[in-house]
Amino acid sequence: MGNLLYLIAVVLIIIWILGAFVSPFGGGLIHILLVIAIIAILLRVIRGA
């Protein structure tokens, strides 16, 4: 479960980076993806997995 959470976070960050540079008019969705990815990473760090 922990590895899956980390993988999802990394994928979301990659999508955010691509979306920010490829389509700068993406709006709030790109930033929502970034926030979700950061939350997923923080949960993994807090749980110590």
N, C-alpha and C. Protein backbone atom coordinates (compact mmCIF):
# COMPACT_ATOMS: atom_id res chain seq x y z
N MET A 1 0.83 -1.19 0.00
CA MET A 1 0.00 0.00 0.00
C MET A 1 0.87 1.25 0.00
N GLY A 2 1.94 1.25 0.78
CA GLY A 2 2.81 2.41 0.86
C GLY A 2 3.50 2.70 -0.46
N ASN A 3 3.95 1.63 -1.13
CA ASN A 3 4.61 1.83 -2.42
C ASN A 3 3.63 2.37 -3.45
N LEU A 4 2.39 1.92 -3.40
CA LEU A 4 1.38 2.40 -4.33
C LEU A 4 1.10 3.87 -4.10
N LEU A 5 1.02 4.27 -2.84
CA LEU A 5 0.78 5.67 -2.51
C LEU A 5 1.93 6.55 -3.01
N TYR A 6 3.13 6.08 -2.83
CA TYR A 6 4.31 6.82 -3.29
C TYR A 6 4.31 6.92 -4.82
N LEU A 7 3.96 5.84 -5.49
CA LEU A 7 3.91 5.82 -6.95
C LEU A 7 2.87 6.81 -7.47
N ILE A 8 1.71 6.83 -6.84
CA ILE A 8 0.66 7.77 -7.24
C ILE A 8 1.13 9.20 -7.06
N ALA A 9 1.80 9.48 -5.96
CA ALA A 9 2.31 10.83 -5.70
C ALA A 9 3.31 11.24 -6.77
N VAL A 10 4.21 10.36 -7.13
CA VAL A 10 5.21 10.68 -8.15
C VAL A 10 4.55 10.91 -9.50
N VAL A 11 3.58 10.07 -9.84
CA VAL A 11 2.87 10.24 -11.12
C VAL A 11 2.13 11.57 -11.14
N LEU A 12 1.49 11.94 -10.04
CA LEU A 12 0.77 13.21 -9.99
C LEU A 12 1.71 14.40 -10.14
N ILE A 13 2.89 14.31 -9.53
CA ILE A 13 3.86 15.40 -9.67
C ILE A 13 4.34 15.50 -11.12
N ILE A 14 4.57 14.38 -11.76
CA ILE A 14 5.01 14.40 -13.16
C ILE A 14 3.92 14.99 -14.04
N ILE A 15 2.67 14.61 -13.81
CA ILE A 15 1.55 15.17 -14.58
C ILE A 15 1.45 16.67 -14.34
N TRP A 16 1.67 17.09 -13.09
CA TRP A 16 1.61 18.52 -12.78
C TRP A 16 2.70 19.28 -13.53
N ILE A 17 3.91 18.75 -13.52
CA ILE A 17 5.02 19.42 -14.22
C ILE A 17 4.74 19.50 -15.71
N LEU A 18 4.29 18.40 -16.30
CA LEU A 18 3.99 18.42 -17.73
C LEU A 18 2.85 19.38 -18.03
N GLY A 19 1.84 19.37 -17.21
CA GLY A 19 0.70 20.26 -17.43
C GLY A 19 1.06 21.72 -17.26
N ALA A 20 1.96 22.02 -16.35
CA ALA A 20 2.34 23.41 -16.10
C ALA A 20 3.12 23.99 -17.29
N PHE A 21 3.91 23.17 -17.97
CA PHE A 21 4.73 23.68 -19.06
C PHE A 21 4.11 23.46 -20.44
N VAL A 22 3.35 22.39 -20.59
CA VAL A 22 2.74 22.10 -21.89
C VAL A 22 1.46 22.90 -22.08
N SER A 23 0.64 22.93 -21.04
CA SER A 23 -0.64 23.63 -21.12
C SER A 23 -0.78 24.58 -19.94
N PRO A 24 -0.24 25.79 -20.05
CA PRO A 24 -0.28 26.72 -18.93
C PRO A 24 -1.69 27.24 -18.63
N PHE A 25 -2.64 26.91 -19.48
CA PHE A 25 -4.01 27.37 -19.28
C PHE A 25 -4.88 26.31 -18.61
N GLY A 26 -4.24 25.31 -17.99
CA GLY A 26 -4.96 24.21 -17.36
C GLY A 26 -5.76 24.64 -16.14
N GLY A 27 -5.38 25.73 -15.53
CA GLY A 27 -6.16 26.25 -14.42
C GLY A 27 -5.92 25.51 -13.12
N GLY A 28 -6.95 25.44 -12.31
CA GLY A 28 -6.85 24.91 -10.97
C GLY A 28 -6.60 23.42 -10.89
N LEU A 29 -6.96 22.67 -11.93
CA LEU A 29 -6.81 21.22 -11.88
C LEU A 29 -5.35 20.83 -11.68
N ILE A 30 -4.45 21.51 -12.32
CA ILE A 30 -3.03 21.20 -12.20
C ILE A 30 -2.57 21.41 -10.76
N HIS A 31 -3.02 22.48 -10.15
CA HIS A 31 -2.61 22.76 -8.79
C HIS A 31 -3.25 21.81 -7.79
N ILE A 32 -4.46 21.36 -8.08
CA ILE A 32 -5.11 20.36 -7.23
C ILE A 32 -4.31 19.06 -7.26
N LEU A 33 -3.83 18.68 -8.44
CA LEU A 33 -3.00 17.47 -8.56
C LEU A 33 -1.73 17.60 -7.73
N LEU A 34 -1.13 18.78 -7.75
CA LEU A 34 0.09 19.00 -6.96
C LEU A 34 -0.20 18.87 -5.47
N VAL A 35 -1.29 19.45 -5.02
CA VAL A 35 -1.63 19.38 -3.60
C VAL A 35 -1.89 17.93 -3.19
N ILE A 36 -2.58 17.17 -4.02
CA ILE A 36 -2.84 15.75 -3.71
C ILE A 36 -1.53 14.98 -3.63
N ALA A 37 -0.62 15.25 -4.55
CA ALA A 37 0.68 14.57 -4.54
C ALA A 37 1.47 14.90 -3.29
N ILE A 38 1.47 16.17 -2.89
CA ILE A 38 2.20 16.56 -1.68
C ILE A 38 1.60 15.91 -0.45
N ILE A 39 0.28 15.86 -0.37
CA ILE A 39 -0.38 15.21 0.76
C ILE A 39 -0.01 13.73 0.81
N ALA A 40 0.01 13.07 -0.35
CA ALA A 40 0.36 11.65 -0.38
C ALA A 40 1.79 11.43 0.10
N ILE A 41 2.71 12.29 -0.31
CA ILE A 41 4.10 12.15 0.14
C ILE A 41 4.21 12.41 1.64
N LEU A 42 3.52 13.44 2.12
CA LEU A 42 3.56 13.73 3.56
C LEU A 42 3.00 12.58 4.38
N LEU A 43 1.92 11.99 3.93
CA LEU A 43 1.36 10.84 4.65
C LEU A 43 2.37 9.70 4.72
N ARG A 44 3.08 9.48 3.62
CA ARG A 44 4.08 8.41 3.62
C ARG A 44 5.22 8.71 4.60
N VAL A 45 5.66 9.97 4.64
CA VAL A 45 6.74 10.36 5.54
C VAL A 45 6.29 10.27 6.98
N ILE A 46 5.09 10.75 7.28
CA ILE A 46 4.57 10.73 8.65
C ILE A 46 4.41 9.30 9.15
N ARG A 47 3.94 8.42 8.29
CA ARG A 47 3.74 7.02 8.69
C ARG A 47 5.07 6.29 8.83
N GLY A 48 6.13 6.86 8.29
CA GLY A 48 7.46 6.27 8.42
C GLY A 48 7.69 5.05 7.57
N ALA A 49 6.94 4.93 6.50
CA ALA A 49 7.07 3.75 5.64
C ALA A 49 8.13 3.96 4.60
